[in-house]
Amino acid sequence: MDEPFNGLDVLAREELVQGLLEAAGQHEWTVFLSSHDIEEVERLADWLGYLHEGNLCFSEPVASL
């Protein structure tokens, strides 16, 4: 998802977050999220990766960063 929270009001943002977290937990899915909103990423992510020109440069748990 590219910038999924852009332009959403607070209620819609929280509903989207809850829906994503519930679906990922129930189905053991990975949610790929691309965002410039670092606060949102820090709040949601447990792993971060960096893509450059289509190549994965690193992927690590947030705690190790």
N, C-alpha and C. Protein backbone atom coordinates (compact mmCIF):
# COMPACT_ATOMS: atom_id res chain seq x y z
N MET A 1 0.86 -1.17 0.00
CA MET A 1 0.00 0.00 0.00
C MET A 1 0.90 1.23 0.00
N ASP A 2 0.64 2.15 -0.89
CA ASP A 2 1.43 3.36 -1.00
C ASP A 2 0.68 4.53 -0.37
N GLU A 3 1.23 5.06 0.71
CA GLU A 3 0.63 6.19 1.43
C GLU A 3 -0.85 5.96 1.74
N PRO A 4 -1.19 4.85 2.40
CA PRO A 4 -2.60 4.51 2.60
C PRO A 4 -3.35 5.46 3.53
N PHE A 5 -2.65 6.24 4.33
CA PHE A 5 -3.32 7.10 5.31
C PHE A 5 -3.47 8.53 4.82
N ASN A 6 -2.90 8.81 3.66
CA ASN A 6 -2.93 10.15 3.10
C ASN A 6 -4.37 10.61 2.85
N GLY A 7 -4.74 11.73 3.43
CA GLY A 7 -6.05 12.31 3.19
C GLY A 7 -7.19 11.73 4.00
N LEU A 8 -6.91 10.78 4.87
CA LEU A 8 -7.98 10.19 5.69
C LEU A 8 -8.17 11.00 6.97
N ASP A 9 -9.42 11.09 7.41
CA ASP A 9 -9.65 11.71 8.71
C ASP A 9 -9.26 10.72 9.81
N VAL A 10 -9.23 11.18 11.03
CA VAL A 10 -8.75 10.38 12.15
C VAL A 10 -9.54 9.08 12.30
N LEU A 11 -10.85 9.14 12.19
CA LEU A 11 -11.68 7.96 12.36
C LEU A 11 -11.42 6.94 11.25
N ALA A 12 -11.37 7.39 10.02
CA ALA A 12 -11.11 6.48 8.89
C ALA A 12 -9.71 5.86 9.00
N ARG A 13 -8.74 6.66 9.44
CA ARG A 13 -7.37 6.16 9.62
C ARG A 13 -7.33 5.04 10.65
N GLU A 14 -8.00 5.26 11.79
CA GLU A 14 -8.01 4.23 12.84
C GLU A 14 -8.73 2.96 12.39
N GLU A 15 -9.82 3.13 11.64
CA GLU A 15 -10.54 1.96 11.13
C GLU A 15 -9.68 1.17 10.15
N LEU A 16 -8.95 1.87 9.30
CA LEU A 16 -8.05 1.19 8.35
C LEU A 16 -6.94 0.47 9.09
N VAL A 17 -6.35 1.11 10.07
CA VAL A 17 -5.28 0.49 10.86
C VAL A 17 -5.79 -0.77 11.54
N GLN A 18 -6.94 -0.67 12.21
CA GLN A 18 -7.49 -1.83 12.91
C GLN A 18 -7.80 -2.97 11.94
N GLY A 19 -8.37 -2.63 10.79
CA GLY A 19 -8.68 -3.64 9.79
C GLY A 19 -7.43 -4.33 9.27
N LEU A 20 -6.40 -3.57 8.99
CA LEU A 20 -5.14 -4.16 8.51
C LEU A 20 -4.51 -5.07 9.56
N LEU A 21 -4.47 -4.59 10.80
CA LEU A 21 -3.86 -5.39 11.86
C LEU A 21 -4.64 -6.67 12.13
N GLU A 22 -5.96 -6.58 12.14
CA GLU A 22 -6.78 -7.77 12.36
C GLU A 22 -6.63 -8.77 11.23
N ALA A 23 -6.68 -8.31 9.99
CA ALA A 23 -6.54 -9.21 8.85
C ALA A 23 -5.17 -9.86 8.82
N ALA A 24 -4.13 -9.09 9.08
CA ALA A 24 -2.78 -9.64 9.08
C ALA A 24 -2.62 -10.69 10.18
N GLY A 25 -3.20 -10.43 11.34
CA GLY A 25 -3.10 -11.38 12.45
C GLY A 25 -3.90 -12.66 12.22
N GLN A 26 -5.07 -12.53 11.66
CA GLN A 26 -5.94 -13.70 11.44
C GLN A 26 -5.42 -14.60 10.33
N HIS A 27 -4.82 -14.01 9.32
CA HIS A 27 -4.43 -14.77 8.14
C HIS A 27 -2.92 -14.93 7.98
N GLU A 28 -2.16 -14.45 8.97
CA GLU A 28 -0.70 -14.48 8.92
C GLU A 28 -0.18 -13.83 7.65
N TRP A 29 -0.76 -12.69 7.29
CA TRP A 29 -0.37 -11.93 6.12
C TRP A 29 0.74 -10.95 6.47
N THR A 30 1.50 -10.60 5.49
CA THR A 30 2.43 -9.49 5.58
C THR A 30 1.79 -8.31 4.87
N VAL A 31 1.76 -7.18 5.53
CA VAL A 31 1.23 -5.96 4.93
C VAL A 31 2.42 -5.11 4.53
N PHE A 32 2.54 -4.84 3.24
CA PHE A 32 3.62 -4.01 2.71
C PHE A 32 3.11 -2.59 2.63
N LEU A 33 3.75 -1.70 3.36
CA LEU A 33 3.29 -0.32 3.49
C LEU A 33 4.43 0.61 3.10
N SER A 34 4.15 1.53 2.21
CA SER A 34 5.12 2.53 1.79
C SER A 34 4.60 3.89 2.24
N SER A 35 5.42 4.62 3.00
CA SER A 35 4.94 5.89 3.52
C SER A 35 6.10 6.81 3.88
N HIS A 36 5.85 8.11 3.74
CA HIS A 36 6.80 9.11 4.21
C HIS A 36 6.44 9.56 5.63
N ASP A 37 5.32 9.08 6.15
CA ASP A 37 4.86 9.44 7.49
C ASP A 37 5.56 8.53 8.50
N ILE A 38 6.72 8.95 8.96
CA ILE A 38 7.56 8.12 9.83
C ILE A 38 6.84 7.78 11.13
N GLU A 39 6.09 8.70 11.70
CA GLU A 39 5.36 8.42 12.94
C GLU A 39 4.39 7.26 12.76
N GLU A 40 3.68 7.26 11.63
CA GLU A 40 2.72 6.19 11.36
C GLU A 40 3.44 4.85 11.19
N VAL A 41 4.54 4.87 10.48
CA VAL A 41 5.32 3.65 10.27
C VAL A 41 5.83 3.12 11.60
N GLU A 42 6.38 3.98 12.43
CA GLU A 42 6.90 3.56 13.74
C GLU A 42 5.79 2.98 14.61
N ARG A 43 4.59 3.52 14.49
CA ARG A 43 3.47 3.04 15.31
C ARG A 43 2.97 1.67 14.86
N LEU A 44 3.08 1.36 13.58
CA LEU A 44 2.50 0.14 13.04
C LEU A 44 3.48 -0.99 12.77
N ALA A 45 4.66 -0.66 12.36
CA ALA A 45 5.58 -1.67 11.83
C ALA A 45 6.36 -2.38 12.93
N ASP A 46 6.61 -3.67 12.71
CA ASP A 46 7.54 -4.38 13.58
C ASP A 46 8.81 -4.75 12.80
N TRP A 47 8.74 -4.68 11.47
CA TRP A 47 9.90 -4.86 10.60
C TRP A 47 9.92 -3.72 9.59
N LEU A 48 11.12 -3.26 9.24
CA LEU A 48 11.28 -2.24 8.22
C LEU A 48 12.25 -2.74 7.16
N GLY A 49 11.98 -2.35 5.94
CA GLY A 49 12.88 -2.66 4.85
C GLY A 49 13.07 -1.43 4.00
N TYR A 50 14.17 -1.42 3.26
CA TYR A 50 14.45 -0.29 2.38
C TYR A 50 14.68 -0.82 0.98
N LEU A 51 13.86 -0.32 0.04
CA LEU A 51 13.99 -0.69 -1.36
C LEU A 51 14.65 0.45 -2.12
N HIS A 52 15.61 0.11 -2.96
CA HIS A 52 16.26 1.11 -3.82
C HIS A 52 16.37 0.53 -5.21
N GLU A 53 15.71 1.19 -6.15
CA GLU A 53 15.69 0.75 -7.55
C GLU A 53 15.29 -0.72 -7.68
N GLY A 54 14.28 -1.10 -6.88
CA GLY A 54 13.74 -2.45 -6.96
C GLY A 54 14.51 -3.51 -6.20
N ASN A 55 15.56 -3.11 -5.52
CA ASN A 55 16.36 -4.07 -4.74
C ASN A 55 16.17 -3.83 -3.25
N LEU A 56 16.01 -4.90 -2.50
CA LEU A 56 15.88 -4.81 -1.05
C LEU A 56 17.28 -4.62 -0.46
N CYS A 57 17.51 -3.44 0.10
CA CYS A 57 18.82 -3.12 0.66
C CYS A 57 18.99 -3.65 2.07
N PHE A 58 17.92 -3.60 2.85
CA PHE A 58 17.94 -4.21 4.17
C PHE A 58 16.52 -4.46 4.64
N SER A 59 16.38 -5.38 5.57
CA SER A 59 15.12 -5.69 6.20
C SER A 59 15.44 -6.14 7.62
N GLU A 60 14.98 -5.39 8.60
CA GLU A 60 15.33 -5.67 10.00
C GLU A 60 14.16 -5.35 10.92
N PRO A 61 14.15 -5.98 12.09
CA PRO A 61 13.14 -5.61 13.09
C PRO A 61 13.34 -4.16 13.52
N VAL A 62 12.24 -3.47 13.78
CA VAL A 62 12.31 -2.07 14.20
C VAL A 62 13.20 -1.93 15.43
N ALA A 63 13.13 -2.87 16.35
CA ALA A 63 13.90 -2.79 17.60
C ALA A 63 15.40 -2.75 17.34
N SER A 64 15.88 -3.35 16.27
CA SER A 64 17.31 -3.36 15.99
C SER A 64 17.78 -2.09 15.30
N LEU A 65 16.84 -1.30 14.81
CA LEU A 65 17.21 -0.05 14.15
C LEU A 65 17.27 1.04 15.18
